[in-house]
Structures are given as structure tokens and as C-alpha cells.
């Protein structure tokens, strides 16, 4: 799976390999400048 920002952050790809039963997480931290 690949995560891409659609807005607010510089375009980049964050890849993940998710195996059965092993969850992965991606955390977005919102900035006040972007109205969160």
C-alpha cells in the first residue's frame, strides 16, 4: 500500500507492506496554518 498526500504537504509516496495480521499505521499531523 502507498500513502500520498493530496493537499497541504509536499507530494511524496510513503510505501507500506502489510502482512496478514500485522497492521501498519500512518499518522498525519495537521498544522494550524492549514486550519488543521
ModelCIF file with pLDDT and N, C-alpha, C, O atoms, coordinates in Angstrom:
data_MODEL
#
_entry.id   MODEL 
#
_entity.id                         1 
_entity.type                       polymer 
_entity.pdbx_number_of_molecules   1 
#
_entity_poly.entity_id                      1 
_entity_poly.type                           'polypeptide(L)' 
_entity_poly.nstd_linkage                   no 
_entity_poly.nstd_monomer                   no 
_entity_poly.pdbx_seq_one_letter_code       
;(UNK)(UNK)(UNK)(UNK)(UNK)(UNK)(UNK)(UNK)(UNK)(UNK)(UNK)(UNK)(UNK)(UNK)(UNK)(UNK)
(UNK)(UNK)(UNK)(UNK)(UNK)(UNK)(UNK)(UNK)(UNK)(UNK)(UNK)(UNK)(UNK)(UNK)(UNK)(UNK)
(UNK)(UNK)(UNK)(UNK)
;
_entity_poly.pdbx_seq_one_letter_code_can   XXXXXXXXXXXXXXXXXXXXXXXXXXXXXXXXXXXX 
_entity_poly.pdbx_strand_id                 A 
#
loop_
_entity_poly_seq.entity_id 
_entity_poly_seq.num 
_entity_poly_seq.mon_id 
_entity_poly_seq.hetero 
1 1  UNK n 
1 2  UNK n 
1 3  UNK n 
1 4  UNK n 
1 5  UNK n 
1 6  UNK n 
1 7  UNK n 
1 8  UNK n 
1 9  UNK n 
1 10 UNK n 
1 11 UNK n 
1 12 UNK n 
1 13 UNK n 
1 14 UNK n 
1 15 UNK n 
1 16 UNK n 
1 17 UNK n 
1 18 UNK n 
1 19 UNK n 
1 20 UNK n 
1 21 UNK n 
1 22 UNK n 
1 23 UNK n 
1 24 UNK n 
1 25 UNK n 
1 26 UNK n 
1 27 UNK n 
1 28 UNK n 
1 29 UNK n 
1 30 UNK n 
1 31 UNK n 
1 32 UNK n 
1 33 UNK n 
1 34 UNK n 
1 35 UNK n 
1 36 UNK n 
#
_struct_asym.id          A 
_struct_asym.entity_id   1 
#
loop_
_ma_qa_metric.id 
_ma_qa_metric.mode 
_ma_qa_metric.name 
_ma_qa_metric.software_group_id 
_ma_qa_metric.type 
1 global pLDDT . pLDDT 
2 local  pLDDT . pLDDT 
#
_ma_qa_metric_global.metric_id      1 
_ma_qa_metric_global.metric_value   93.08 
_ma_qa_metric_global.model_id       1 
_ma_qa_metric_global.ordinal_id     1 
#
loop_
_ma_qa_metric_local.label_asym_id 
_ma_qa_metric_local.label_comp_id 
_ma_qa_metric_local.label_seq_id 
_ma_qa_metric_local.metric_id 
_ma_qa_metric_local.metric_value 
_ma_qa_metric_local.model_id 
_ma_qa_metric_local.ordinal_id 
A UNK 1  2 98.00 1 1  
A UNK 2  2 98.00 1 2  
A UNK 3  2 98.00 1 3  
A UNK 4  2 98.00 1 4  
A UNK 5  2 97.00 1 5  
A UNK 6  2 95.00 1 6  
A UNK 7  2 93.00 1 7  
A UNK 8  2 91.00 1 8  
A UNK 9  2 90.00 1 9  
A UNK 10 2 89.00 1 10 
A UNK 11 2 90.00 1 11 
A UNK 12 2 94.00 1 12 
A UNK 13 2 96.00 1 13 
A UNK 14 2 97.00 1 14 
A UNK 15 2 98.00 1 15 
A UNK 16 2 98.00 1 16 
A UNK 17 2 97.00 1 17 
A UNK 18 2 97.00 1 18 
A UNK 19 2 96.00 1 19 
A UNK 20 2 92.00 1 20 
A UNK 21 2 88.00 1 21 
A UNK 22 2 91.00 1 22 
A UNK 23 2 96.00 1 23 
A UNK 24 2 98.00 1 24 
A UNK 25 2 98.00 1 25 
A UNK 26 2 98.00 1 26 
A UNK 27 2 97.00 1 27 
A UNK 28 2 96.00 1 28 
A UNK 29 2 94.00 1 29 
A UNK 30 2 93.00 1 30 
A UNK 31 2 84.00 1 31 
A UNK 32 2 82.00 1 32 
A UNK 33 2 76.00 1 33 
A UNK 34 2 78.00 1 34 
A UNK 35 2 86.00 1 35 
A UNK 36 2 94.00 1 36 
#
loop_
_atom_site.group_PDB 
_atom_site.id 
_atom_site.type_symbol 
_atom_site.label_atom_id 
_atom_site.label_alt_id 
_atom_site.label_comp_id 
_atom_site.label_asym_id 
_atom_site.label_entity_id 
_atom_site.label_seq_id 
_atom_site.pdbx_PDB_ins_code 
_atom_site.Cartn_x 
_atom_site.Cartn_y 
_atom_site.Cartn_z 
_atom_site.occupancy 
_atom_site.B_iso_or_equiv 
_atom_site.pdbx_formal_charge 
_atom_site.auth_seq_id 
_atom_site.auth_comp_id 
_atom_site.auth_asym_id 
_atom_site.auth_atom_id 
_atom_site.pdbx_PDB_model_num 
ATOM 1   N N  . UNK A 1 1  ? 0.855  -1.180  0.000  1.00 98.00 ? 1  UNK A N  1 
ATOM 2   C CA . UNK A 1 1  ? 0.000  0.000   0.000  1.00 98.00 ? 1  UNK A CA 1 
ATOM 3   C C  . UNK A 1 1  ? 0.893  1.233   0.000  1.00 98.00 ? 1  UNK A C  1 
ATOM 4   O O  . UNK A 1 1  ? 1.975  1.224   0.587  1.00 98.00 ? 1  UNK A O  1 
ATOM 5   N N  . UNK A 1 2  ? 0.437  2.288   -0.659 1.00 98.00 ? 2  UNK A N  1 
ATOM 6   C CA . UNK A 1 2  ? 1.219  3.526   -0.741 1.00 98.00 ? 2  UNK A CA 1 
ATOM 7   C C  . UNK A 1 2  ? 0.328  4.692   -0.341 1.00 98.00 ? 2  UNK A C  1 
ATOM 8   O O  . UNK A 1 2  ? -0.800 4.812   -0.818 1.00 98.00 ? 2  UNK A O  1 
ATOM 9   N N  . UNK A 1 3  ? 0.841  5.557   0.544  1.00 98.00 ? 3  UNK A N  1 
ATOM 10  C CA . UNK A 1 3  ? 0.112  6.732   1.005  1.00 98.00 ? 3  UNK A CA 1 
ATOM 11  C C  . UNK A 1 3  ? 0.682  7.968   0.312  1.00 98.00 ? 3  UNK A C  1 
ATOM 12  O O  . UNK A 1 3  ? 1.894  8.179   0.278  1.00 98.00 ? 3  UNK A O  1 
ATOM 13  N N  . UNK A 1 4  ? -0.225 8.781   -0.240 1.00 98.00 ? 4  UNK A N  1 
ATOM 14  C CA . UNK A 1 4  ? 0.146  10.038  -0.890 1.00 98.00 ? 4  UNK A CA 1 
ATOM 15  C C  . UNK A 1 4  ? -0.633 11.189  -0.262 1.00 98.00 ? 4  UNK A C  1 
ATOM 16  O O  . UNK A 1 4  ? -1.841 11.067  -0.057 1.00 98.00 ? 4  UNK A O  1 
ATOM 17  N N  . UNK A 1 5  ? 0.036  12.315  0.052  1.00 97.00 ? 5  UNK A N  1 
ATOM 18  C CA . UNK A 1 5  ? -0.722 13.494  0.467  1.00 97.00 ? 5  UNK A CA 1 
ATOM 19  C C  . UNK A 1 5  ? -1.443 14.081  -0.746 1.00 97.00 ? 5  UNK A C  1 
ATOM 20  O O  . UNK A 1 5  ? -0.871 14.147  -1.834 1.00 97.00 ? 5  UNK A O  1 
ATOM 21  N N  . UNK A 1 6  ? -2.698 14.508  -0.564 1.00 95.00 ? 6  UNK A N  1 
ATOM 22  C CA . UNK A 1 6  ? -3.470 15.113  -1.648 1.00 95.00 ? 6  UNK A CA 1 
ATOM 23  C C  . UNK A 1 6  ? -3.421 16.636  -1.586 1.00 95.00 ? 6  UNK A C  1 
ATOM 24  O O  . UNK A 1 6  ? -3.701 17.313  -2.575 1.00 95.00 ? 6  UNK A O  1 
ATOM 25  N N  . UNK A 1 7  ? -3.067 17.167  -0.427 1.00 93.00 ? 7  UNK A N  1 
ATOM 26  C CA . UNK A 1 7  ? -3.089 18.611  -0.205 1.00 93.00 ? 7  UNK A CA 1 
ATOM 27  C C  . UNK A 1 7  ? -2.292 18.895  1.065  1.00 93.00 ? 7  UNK A C  1 
ATOM 28  O O  . UNK A 1 7  ? -2.067 17.991  1.870  1.00 93.00 ? 7  UNK A O  1 
ATOM 29  N N  . UNK A 1 8  ? -1.870 20.122  1.246  1.00 91.00 ? 8  UNK A N  1 
ATOM 30  C CA . UNK A 1 8  ? -1.198 20.628  2.456  1.00 91.00 ? 8  UNK A CA 1 
ATOM 31  C C  . UNK A 1 8  ? 0.260  20.225  2.597  1.00 91.00 ? 8  UNK A C  1 
ATOM 32  O O  . UNK A 1 8  ? 1.038  20.988  3.169  1.00 91.00 ? 8  UNK A O  1 
ATOM 33  N N  . UNK A 1 9  ? 0.664  19.072  2.106  1.00 90.00 ? 9  UNK A N  1 
ATOM 34  C CA . UNK A 1 9  ? 2.050  18.628  2.244  1.00 90.00 ? 9  UNK A CA 1 
ATOM 35  C C  . UNK A 1 9  ? 2.674  18.422  0.874  1.00 90.00 ? 9  UNK A C  1 
ATOM 36  O O  . UNK A 1 9  ? 1.977  18.267  -0.129 1.00 90.00 ? 9  UNK A O  1 
ATOM 37  N N  . UNK A 1 10 ? 4.008  18.423  0.852  1.00 89.00 ? 10 UNK A N  1 
ATOM 38  C CA . UNK A 1 10 ? 4.747  18.178  -0.382 1.00 89.00 ? 10 UNK A CA 1 
ATOM 39  C C  . UNK A 1 10 ? 4.426  16.789  -0.904 1.00 89.00 ? 10 UNK A C  1 
ATOM 40  O O  . UNK A 1 10 ? 4.338  15.831  -0.137 1.00 89.00 ? 10 UNK A O  1 
ATOM 41  N N  . UNK A 1 11 ? 4.253  16.689  -2.211 1.00 90.00 ? 11 UNK A N  1 
ATOM 42  C CA . UNK A 1 11 ? 3.955  15.392  -2.825 1.00 90.00 ? 11 UNK A CA 1 
ATOM 43  C C  . UNK A 1 11 ? 5.081  14.409  -2.544 1.00 90.00 ? 11 UNK A C  1 
ATOM 44  O O  . UNK A 1 11 ? 6.252  14.698  -2.791 1.00 90.00 ? 11 UNK A O  1 
ATOM 45  N N  . UNK A 1 12 ? 4.714  13.256  -2.030 1.00 94.00 ? 12 UNK A N  1 
ATOM 46  C CA . UNK A 1 12 ? 5.677  12.193  -1.737 1.00 94.00 ? 12 UNK A CA 1 
ATOM 47  C C  . UNK A 1 12 ? 4.899  10.894  -1.609 1.00 94.00 ? 12 UNK A C  1 
ATOM 48  O O  . UNK A 1 12 ? 3.678  10.898  -1.456 1.00 94.00 ? 12 UNK A O  1 
ATOM 49  N N  . UNK A 1 13 ? 5.615  9.794   -1.673 1.00 96.00 ? 13 UNK A N  1 
ATOM 50  C CA . UNK A 1 13 ? 4.990  8.483   -1.516 1.00 96.00 ? 13 UNK A CA 1 
ATOM 51  C C  . UNK A 1 13 ? 5.570  7.804   -0.284 1.00 96.00 ? 13 UNK A C  1 
ATOM 52  O O  . UNK A 1 13 ? 6.786  7.769   -0.098 1.00 96.00 ? 13 UNK A O  1 
ATOM 53  N N  . UNK A 1 14 ? 4.691  7.264   0.554  1.00 97.00 ? 14 UNK A N  1 
ATOM 54  C CA . UNK A 1 14 ? 5.131  6.506   1.719  1.00 97.00 ? 14 UNK A CA 1 
ATOM 55  C C  . UNK A 1 14 ? 4.630  5.075   1.551  1.00 97.00 ? 14 UNK A C  1 
ATOM 56  O O  . UNK A 1 14 ? 3.438  4.810   1.708  1.00 97.00 ? 14 UNK A O  1 
ATOM 57  N N  . UNK A 1 15 ? 5.546  4.142   1.228  1.00 98.00 ? 15 UNK A N  1 
ATOM 58  C CA . UNK A 1 15 ? 5.129  2.756   0.980  1.00 98.00 ? 15 UNK A CA 1 
ATOM 59  C C  . UNK A 1 15 ? 5.026  1.943   2.273  1.00 98.00 ? 15 UNK A C  1 
ATOM 60  O O  . UNK A 1 15 ? 5.742  2.193   3.243  1.00 98.00 ? 15 UNK A O  1 
ATOM 61  N N  . UNK A 1 16 ? 4.121  0.970   2.260  1.00 98.00 ? 16 UNK A N  1 
ATOM 62  C CA . UNK A 1 16 ? 3.949  0.036   3.371  1.00 98.00 ? 16 UNK A CA 1 
ATOM 63  C C  . UNK A 1 16 ? 3.738  -1.356  2.796  1.00 98.00 ? 16 UNK A C  1 
ATOM 64  O O  . UNK A 1 16 ? 3.065  -1.516  1.778  1.00 98.00 ? 16 UNK A O  1 
ATOM 65  N N  . UNK A 1 17 ? 4.307  -2.354  3.444  1.00 97.00 ? 17 UNK A N  1 
ATOM 66  C CA . UNK A 1 17 ? 3.981  -3.745  3.149  1.00 97.00 ? 17 UNK A CA 1 
ATOM 67  C C  . UNK A 1 17 ? 3.226  -4.260  4.360  1.00 97.00 ? 17 UNK A C  1 
ATOM 68  O O  . UNK A 1 17 ? 3.748  -4.273  5.474  1.00 97.00 ? 17 UNK A O  1 
ATOM 69  N N  . UNK A 1 18 ? 1.997  -4.682  4.130  1.00 97.00 ? 18 UNK A N  1 
ATOM 70  C CA . UNK A 1 18 ? 1.131  -5.124  5.220  1.00 97.00 ? 18 UNK A CA 1 
ATOM 71  C C  . UNK A 1 18 ? 0.937  -6.628  5.090  1.00 97.00 ? 18 UNK A C  1 
ATOM 72  O O  . UNK A 1 18 ? 0.308  -7.104  4.145  1.00 97.00 ? 18 UNK A O  1 
ATOM 73  N N  . UNK A 1 19 ? 1.480  -7.366  6.041  1.00 96.00 ? 19 UNK A N  1 
ATOM 74  C CA . UNK A 1 19 ? 1.321  -8.812  6.039  1.00 96.00 ? 19 UNK A CA 1 
ATOM 75  C C  . UNK A 1 19 ? 0.063  -9.181  6.814  1.00 96.00 ? 19 UNK A C  1 
ATOM 76  O O  . UNK A 1 19 ? -0.477 -8.367  7.563  1.00 96.00 ? 19 UNK A O  1 
ATOM 77  N N  . UNK A 1 20 ? -0.391 -10.392 6.632  1.00 92.00 ? 20 UNK A N  1 
ATOM 78  C CA . UNK A 1 20 ? -1.601 -10.856 7.315  1.00 92.00 ? 20 UNK A CA 1 
ATOM 79  C C  . UNK A 1 20 ? -1.440 -10.723 8.826  1.00 92.00 ? 20 UNK A C  1 
ATOM 80  O O  . UNK A 1 20 ? -0.472 -11.216 9.406  1.00 92.00 ? 20 UNK A O  1 
ATOM 81  N N  . UNK A 1 21 ? -2.390 -10.058 9.445  1.00 88.00 ? 21 UNK A N  1 
ATOM 82  C CA . UNK A 1 21 ? -2.407 -9.938  10.900 1.00 88.00 ? 21 UNK A CA 1 
ATOM 83  C C  . UNK A 1 21 ? -1.444 -8.926  11.474 1.00 88.00 ? 21 UNK A C  1 
ATOM 84  O O  . UNK A 1 21 ? -1.361 -8.807  12.697 1.00 88.00 ? 21 UNK A O  1 
ATOM 85  N N  . UNK A 1 22 ? -0.705 -8.183  10.653 1.00 91.00 ? 22 UNK A N  1 
ATOM 86  C CA . UNK A 1 22 ? 0.251  -7.200  11.159 1.00 91.00 ? 22 UNK A CA 1 
ATOM 87  C C  . UNK A 1 22 ? -0.128 -5.816  10.616 1.00 91.00 ? 22 UNK A C  1 
ATOM 88  O O  . UNK A 1 22 ? 0.319  -5.414  9.541  1.00 91.00 ? 22 UNK A O  1 
ATOM 89  N N  . UNK A 1 23 ? -0.949 -5.105  11.369 1.00 96.00 ? 23 UNK A N  1 
ATOM 90  C CA . UNK A 1 23 ? -1.393 -3.778  10.935 1.00 96.00 ? 23 UNK A CA 1 
ATOM 91  C C  . UNK A 1 23 ? -0.230 -2.800  10.852 1.00 96.00 ? 23 UNK A C  1 
ATOM 92  O O  . UNK A 1 23 ? 0.747  -2.901  11.594 1.00 96.00 ? 23 UNK A O  1 
ATOM 93  N N  . UNK A 1 24 ? -0.359 -1.851  9.933  1.00 98.00 ? 24 UNK A N  1 
ATOM 94  C CA . UNK A 1 24 ? 0.597  -0.745  9.805  1.00 98.00 ? 24 UNK A CA 1 
ATOM 95  C C  . UNK A 1 24 ? -0.186 0.545   9.998  1.00 98.00 ? 24 UNK A C  1 
ATOM 96  O O  . UNK A 1 24 ? -1.383 0.601   9.715  1.00 98.00 ? 24 UNK A O  1 
ATOM 97  N N  . UNK A 1 25 ? 0.500  1.591   10.487 1.00 98.00 ? 25 UNK A N  1 
ATOM 98  C CA . UNK A 1 25 ? -0.178 2.873   10.680 1.00 98.00 ? 25 UNK A CA 1 
ATOM 99  C C  . UNK A 1 25 ? 0.601  3.997   10.008 1.00 98.00 ? 25 UNK A C  1 
ATOM 100 O O  . UNK A 1 25 ? 1.825  3.961   9.880  1.00 98.00 ? 25 UNK A O  1 
ATOM 101 N N  . UNK A 1 26 ? -0.157 4.982   9.593  1.00 98.00 ? 26 UNK A N  1 
ATOM 102 C CA . UNK A 1 26 ? 0.380  6.207   9.005  1.00 98.00 ? 26 UNK A CA 1 
ATOM 103 C C  . UNK A 1 26 ? -0.308 7.346   9.744  1.00 98.00 ? 26 UNK A C  1 
ATOM 104 O O  . UNK A 1 26 ? -1.535 7.374   9.840  1.00 98.00 ? 26 UNK A O  1 
ATOM 105 N N  . UNK A 1 27 ? 0.481  8.295   10.270 1.00 97.00 ? 27 UNK A N  1 
ATOM 106 C CA . UNK A 1 27 ? -0.098 9.399   11.035 1.00 97.00 ? 27 UNK A CA 1 
ATOM 107 C C  . UNK A 1 27 ? 0.164  10.729  10.351 1.00 97.00 ? 27 UNK A C  1 
ATOM 108 O O  . UNK A 1 27 ? 1.300  11.064  10.018 1.00 97.00 ? 27 UNK A O  1 
ATOM 109 N N  . UNK A 1 28 ? -0.898 11.469  10.152 1.00 96.00 ? 28 UNK A N  1 
ATOM 110 C CA . UNK A 1 28 ? -0.858 12.814  9.581  1.00 96.00 ? 28 UNK A CA 1 
ATOM 111 C C  . UNK A 1 28 ? -0.994 13.788  10.737 1.00 96.00 ? 28 UNK A C  1 
ATOM 112 O O  . UNK A 1 28 ? -1.945 13.704  11.513 1.00 96.00 ? 28 UNK A O  1 
ATOM 113 N N  . UNK A 1 29 ? -0.042 14.717  10.857 1.00 94.00 ? 29 UNK A N  1 
ATOM 114 C CA . UNK A 1 29 ? -0.136 15.767  11.862 1.00 94.00 ? 29 UNK A CA 1 
ATOM 115 C C  . UNK A 1 29 ? -0.546 17.047  11.167 1.00 94.00 ? 29 UNK A C  1 
ATOM 116 O O  . UNK A 1 29 ? 0.171  17.554  10.304 1.00 94.00 ? 29 UNK A O  1 
ATOM 117 N N  . UNK A 1 30 ? -1.703 17.569  11.546 1.00 93.00 ? 30 UNK A N  1 
ATOM 118 C CA . UNK A 1 30 ? -2.247 18.765  10.900 1.00 93.00 ? 30 UNK A CA 1 
ATOM 119 C C  . UNK A 1 30 ? -1.620 20.020  11.499 1.00 93.00 ? 30 UNK A C  1 
ATOM 120 O O  . UNK A 1 30 ? -1.340 20.075  12.696 1.00 93.00 ? 30 UNK A O  1 
ATOM 121 N N  . UNK A 1 31 ? -1.404 21.024  10.652 1.00 84.00 ? 31 UNK A N  1 
ATOM 122 C CA . UNK A 1 31 ? -0.801 22.287  11.082 1.00 84.00 ? 31 UNK A CA 1 
ATOM 123 C C  . UNK A 1 31 ? -1.874 23.363  11.208 1.00 84.00 ? 31 UNK A C  1 
ATOM 124 O O  . UNK A 1 31 ? -2.809 23.422  10.410 1.00 84.00 ? 31 UNK A O  1 
ATOM 125 N N  . UNK A 1 32 ? -1.727 24.200  12.207 1.00 82.00 ? 32 UNK A N  1 
ATOM 126 C CA . UNK A 1 32 ? -2.689 25.286  12.419 1.00 82.00 ? 32 UNK A CA 1 
ATOM 127 C C  . UNK A 1 32 ? -2.733 26.212  11.201 1.00 82.00 ? 32 UNK A C  1 
ATOM 128 O O  . UNK A 1 32 ? -3.781 26.776  10.886 1.00 82.00 ? 32 UNK A O  1 
ATOM 129 N N  . UNK A 1 33 ? -1.612 26.365  10.526 1.00 76.00 ? 33 UNK A N  1 
ATOM 130 C CA . UNK A 1 33 ? -1.562 27.222  9.344  1.00 76.00 ? 33 UNK A CA 1 
ATOM 131 C C  . UNK A 1 33 ? -2.519 26.727  8.258  1.00 76.00 ? 33 UNK A C  1 
ATOM 132 O O  . UNK A 1 33 ? -2.965 27.505  7.415  1.00 76.00 ? 33 UNK A O  1 
ATOM 133 N N  . UNK A 1 34 ? -2.826 25.447  8.284  1.00 78.00 ? 34 UNK A N  1 
ATOM 134 C CA . UNK A 1 34 ? -3.743 24.854  7.314  1.00 78.00 ? 34 UNK A CA 1 
ATOM 135 C C  . UNK A 1 34 ? -5.131 24.642  7.911  1.00 78.00 ? 34 UNK A C  1 
ATOM 136 O O  . UNK A 1 34 ? -5.886 23.797  7.429  1.00 78.00 ? 34 UNK A O  1 
ATOM 137 N N  . UNK A 1 35 ? -5.478 25.401  8.957  1.00 86.00 ? 35 UNK A N  1 
ATOM 138 C CA . UNK A 1 35 ? -6.762 25.246  9.651  1.00 86.00 ? 35 UNK A CA 1 
ATOM 139 C C  . UNK A 1 35 ? -6.963 23.810  10.119 1.00 86.00 ? 35 UNK A C  1 
ATOM 140 O O  . UNK A 1 35 ? -8.087 23.311  10.161 1.00 86.00 ? 35 UNK A O  1 
ATOM 141 N N  . UNK A 1 36 ? -5.868 23.154  10.468 1.00 94.00 ? 36 UNK A N  1 
ATOM 142 C CA . UNK A 1 36 ? -5.878 21.767  10.907 1.00 94.00 ? 36 UNK A CA 1 
ATOM 143 C C  . UNK A 1 36 ? -6.463 20.843  9.845  1.00 94.00 ? 36 UNK A C  1 
ATOM 144 O O  . UNK A 1 36 ? -6.545 19.633  10.057 1.00 94.00 ? 36 UNK A O  1 
#
